[in-house]
Amino acid sequence: MCVYERPKKRGTTDLGPALAHAYIQLQVGDMLFQVLDGDAMTLSKDPELRKEYEADKTAMPAEAHARTF
């Protein structure tokens, strides 16, 4: 997983301004809660894995849910 704190400006080697903390946190949260198949890194269609994923989602405490600051 790669998260860029300062995006590269297109067509140059210059970096843009740092992204907001809330934006980075939401990006990471989104990536962590994808249901992916191993090394292929594709969304899984395996019903057993989907069941485990849904169980994990419902067991996640409220303070761990994504929110903006």
N, C-alpha and C. Protein backbone atom coordinates (compact mmCIF):
# COMPACT_ATOMS: atom_id res chain seq x y z
N MET A 1 0.86 -1.17 0.00
CA MET A 1 0.00 0.00 0.00
C MET A 1 0.90 1.23 0.00
N CYS A 2 0.59 2.16 -0.87
CA CYS A 2 1.36 3.40 -0.95
C CYS A 2 0.43 4.59 -0.72
N VAL A 3 0.86 5.48 0.16
CA VAL A 3 0.13 6.70 0.41
C VAL A 3 1.12 7.85 0.23
N TYR A 4 0.78 8.76 -0.64
CA TYR A 4 1.66 9.89 -0.90
C TYR A 4 1.22 11.09 -0.09
N GLU A 5 2.13 11.60 0.76
CA GLU A 5 1.81 12.75 1.58
C GLU A 5 1.81 14.03 0.75
N ARG A 6 2.71 14.07 -0.24
CA ARG A 6 2.79 15.24 -1.12
C ARG A 6 2.72 14.73 -2.56
N PRO A 7 1.64 14.99 -3.26
CA PRO A 7 1.50 14.47 -4.63
C PRO A 7 2.46 15.16 -5.59
N LYS A 8 2.88 14.39 -6.58
CA LYS A 8 3.75 14.92 -7.63
C LYS A 8 2.92 15.73 -8.61
N LYS A 9 3.46 16.87 -9.03
CA LYS A 9 2.77 17.69 -10.02
C LYS A 9 2.99 17.07 -11.39
N ARG A 10 1.92 16.90 -12.16
CA ARG A 10 2.01 16.25 -13.47
C ARG A 10 3.00 16.97 -14.39
N GLY A 11 3.79 16.18 -15.07
CA GLY A 11 4.72 16.72 -16.06
C GLY A 11 5.99 17.30 -15.46
N THR A 12 6.16 17.22 -14.16
CA THR A 12 7.37 17.74 -13.51
C THR A 12 7.84 16.74 -12.47
N THR A 13 8.95 17.07 -11.84
CA THR A 13 9.42 16.26 -10.71
C THR A 13 9.15 17.00 -9.40
N ASP A 14 8.43 18.10 -9.47
CA ASP A 14 8.10 18.88 -8.27
C ASP A 14 6.98 18.23 -7.48
N LEU A 15 7.02 18.43 -6.18
CA LEU A 15 5.96 17.93 -5.32
C LEU A 15 5.00 19.04 -4.96
N GLY A 16 3.73 18.69 -4.85
CA GLY A 16 2.70 19.65 -4.46
C GLY A 16 2.70 19.82 -2.95
N PRO A 17 1.76 20.60 -2.44
CA PRO A 17 1.66 20.80 -1.00
C PRO A 17 1.21 19.52 -0.30
N ALA A 18 1.54 19.42 0.98
CA ALA A 18 1.15 18.25 1.76
C ALA A 18 -0.37 18.12 1.82
N LEU A 19 -0.86 16.89 1.71
CA LEU A 19 -2.29 16.63 1.81
C LEU A 19 -2.74 16.77 3.26
N ALA A 20 -4.00 17.07 3.44
CA ALA A 20 -4.55 17.21 4.79
C ALA A 20 -4.53 15.87 5.51
N HIS A 21 -4.32 15.91 6.81
CA HIS A 21 -4.28 14.70 7.64
C HIS A 21 -5.56 13.88 7.47
N ALA A 22 -6.70 14.55 7.47
CA ALA A 22 -7.98 13.85 7.35
C ALA A 22 -8.08 13.11 6.02
N TYR A 23 -7.59 13.71 4.93
CA TYR A 23 -7.62 13.08 3.61
C TYR A 23 -6.77 11.81 3.61
N ILE A 24 -5.58 11.90 4.17
CA ILE A 24 -4.69 10.73 4.21
C ILE A 24 -5.32 9.62 5.05
N GLN A 25 -5.89 9.99 6.19
CA GLN A 25 -6.51 8.99 7.06
C GLN A 25 -7.67 8.28 6.35
N LEU A 26 -8.48 9.02 5.63
CA LEU A 26 -9.60 8.40 4.91
C LEU A 26 -9.10 7.50 3.79
N GLN A 27 -8.03 7.92 3.09
CA GLN A 27 -7.46 7.08 2.03
C GLN A 27 -6.97 5.75 2.59
N VAL A 28 -6.24 5.82 3.71
CA VAL A 28 -5.70 4.60 4.32
C VAL A 28 -6.84 3.71 4.81
N GLY A 29 -7.83 4.30 5.46
CA GLY A 29 -8.97 3.51 5.92
C GLY A 29 -9.68 2.82 4.79
N ASP A 30 -9.82 3.52 3.68
CA ASP A 30 -10.48 2.94 2.51
C ASP A 30 -9.69 1.75 1.98
N MET A 31 -8.37 1.91 1.91
CA MET A 31 -7.54 0.83 1.40
C MET A 31 -7.52 -0.37 2.33
N LEU A 32 -7.54 -0.13 3.63
CA LEU A 32 -7.47 -1.23 4.59
C LEU A 32 -8.74 -2.06 4.61
N PHE A 33 -9.85 -1.48 4.25
CA PHE A 33 -11.10 -2.21 4.35
C PHE A 33 -11.62 -2.69 2.99
N GLN A 34 -10.72 -2.91 2.06
CA GLN A 34 -11.07 -3.55 0.80
C GLN A 34 -10.93 -5.06 0.99
N VAL A 35 -11.77 -5.82 0.36
CA VAL A 35 -11.67 -7.29 0.41
C VAL A 35 -10.85 -7.71 -0.80
N LEU A 36 -9.60 -8.03 -0.57
CA LEU A 36 -8.70 -8.33 -1.68
C LEU A 36 -8.25 -9.79 -1.64
N ASP A 37 -8.03 -10.35 -2.82
CA ASP A 37 -7.50 -11.70 -2.94
C ASP A 37 -5.97 -11.63 -3.00
N GLY A 38 -5.33 -12.05 -1.94
CA GLY A 38 -3.88 -12.23 -1.86
C GLY A 38 -3.03 -11.34 -2.72
N ASP A 39 -2.12 -11.97 -3.45
CA ASP A 39 -1.14 -11.23 -4.26
C ASP A 39 -1.76 -10.59 -5.49
N ALA A 40 -2.92 -11.06 -5.92
CA ALA A 40 -3.55 -10.50 -7.12
C ALA A 40 -4.07 -9.09 -6.87
N MET A 41 -4.37 -8.76 -5.59
CA MET A 41 -4.86 -7.44 -5.21
C MET A 41 -6.11 -7.04 -5.99
N THR A 42 -7.00 -7.99 -6.20
CA THR A 42 -8.27 -7.72 -6.86
C THR A 42 -9.39 -7.95 -5.86
N LEU A 43 -10.51 -7.26 -6.04
CA LEU A 43 -11.64 -7.44 -5.14
C LEU A 43 -12.10 -8.89 -5.18
N SER A 44 -12.28 -9.47 -4.01
CA SER A 44 -12.60 -10.89 -3.90
C SER A 44 -14.07 -11.17 -4.15
N LYS A 45 -14.34 -12.30 -4.79
CA LYS A 45 -15.70 -12.77 -4.97
C LYS A 45 -15.92 -14.07 -4.18
N ASP A 46 -14.92 -14.47 -3.39
CA ASP A 46 -15.01 -15.67 -2.58
C ASP A 46 -16.04 -15.46 -1.47
N PRO A 47 -17.14 -16.25 -1.45
CA PRO A 47 -18.20 -16.04 -0.47
C PRO A 47 -17.74 -16.20 0.97
N GLU A 48 -16.83 -17.12 1.24
CA GLU A 48 -16.34 -17.32 2.61
C GLU A 48 -15.54 -16.10 3.09
N LEU A 49 -14.70 -15.58 2.22
CA LEU A 49 -13.93 -14.38 2.57
C LEU A 49 -14.85 -13.19 2.76
N ARG A 50 -15.87 -13.07 1.93
CA ARG A 50 -16.84 -11.97 2.07
C ARG A 50 -17.55 -12.06 3.41
N LYS A 51 -17.91 -13.29 3.86
CA LYS A 51 -18.58 -13.46 5.15
C LYS A 51 -17.68 -12.98 6.29
N GLU A 52 -16.40 -13.37 6.24
CA GLU A 52 -15.46 -12.94 7.27
C GLU A 52 -15.30 -11.42 7.26
N TYR A 53 -15.22 -10.86 6.08
CA TYR A 53 -15.08 -9.41 5.93
C TYR A 53 -16.28 -8.68 6.54
N GLU A 54 -17.49 -9.14 6.24
CA GLU A 54 -18.69 -8.51 6.78
C GLU A 54 -18.74 -8.64 8.31
N ALA A 55 -18.31 -9.79 8.84
CA ALA A 55 -18.27 -9.98 10.29
C ALA A 55 -17.28 -9.01 10.93
N ASP A 56 -16.12 -8.83 10.30
CA ASP A 56 -15.12 -7.87 10.81
C ASP A 56 -15.68 -6.45 10.80
N LYS A 57 -16.39 -6.12 9.72
CA LYS A 57 -16.95 -4.76 9.63
C LYS A 57 -17.95 -4.49 10.73
N THR A 58 -18.81 -5.45 11.04
CA THR A 58 -19.84 -5.22 12.06
C THR A 58 -19.23 -5.21 13.46
N ALA A 59 -18.09 -5.88 13.64
CA ALA A 59 -17.45 -5.94 14.95
C ALA A 59 -16.54 -4.73 15.20
N MET A 60 -16.34 -3.90 14.20
CA MET A 60 -15.43 -2.76 14.34
C MET A 60 -16.03 -1.72 15.28
N PRO A 61 -15.28 -1.29 16.31
CA PRO A 61 -15.82 -0.30 17.24
C PRO A 61 -16.04 1.06 16.57
N ALA A 62 -16.97 1.83 17.10
CA ALA A 62 -17.34 3.12 16.50
C ALA A 62 -16.16 4.06 16.41
N GLU A 63 -15.25 4.03 17.39
CA GLU A 63 -14.12 4.96 17.36
C GLU A 63 -13.12 4.65 16.24
N ALA A 64 -13.24 3.47 15.63
CA ALA A 64 -12.35 3.11 14.53
C ALA A 64 -12.93 3.48 13.18
N HIS A 65 -14.18 3.93 13.13
CA HIS A 65 -14.80 4.32 11.86
C HIS A 65 -14.15 5.59 11.31
N ALA A 66 -14.11 5.70 9.99
CA ALA A 66 -13.50 6.88 9.36
C ALA A 66 -14.31 8.13 9.70
N ARG A 67 -13.58 9.19 9.97
CA ARG A 67 -14.22 10.46 10.24
C ARG A 67 -13.27 11.58 9.86
N THR A 68 -13.78 12.71 9.54
CA THR A 68 -12.92 13.86 9.23
C THR A 68 -12.76 14.71 10.47
N PHE A 69 -11.64 15.42 10.53
CA PHE A 69 -11.34 16.25 11.70
C PHE A 69 -11.73 17.68 11.47
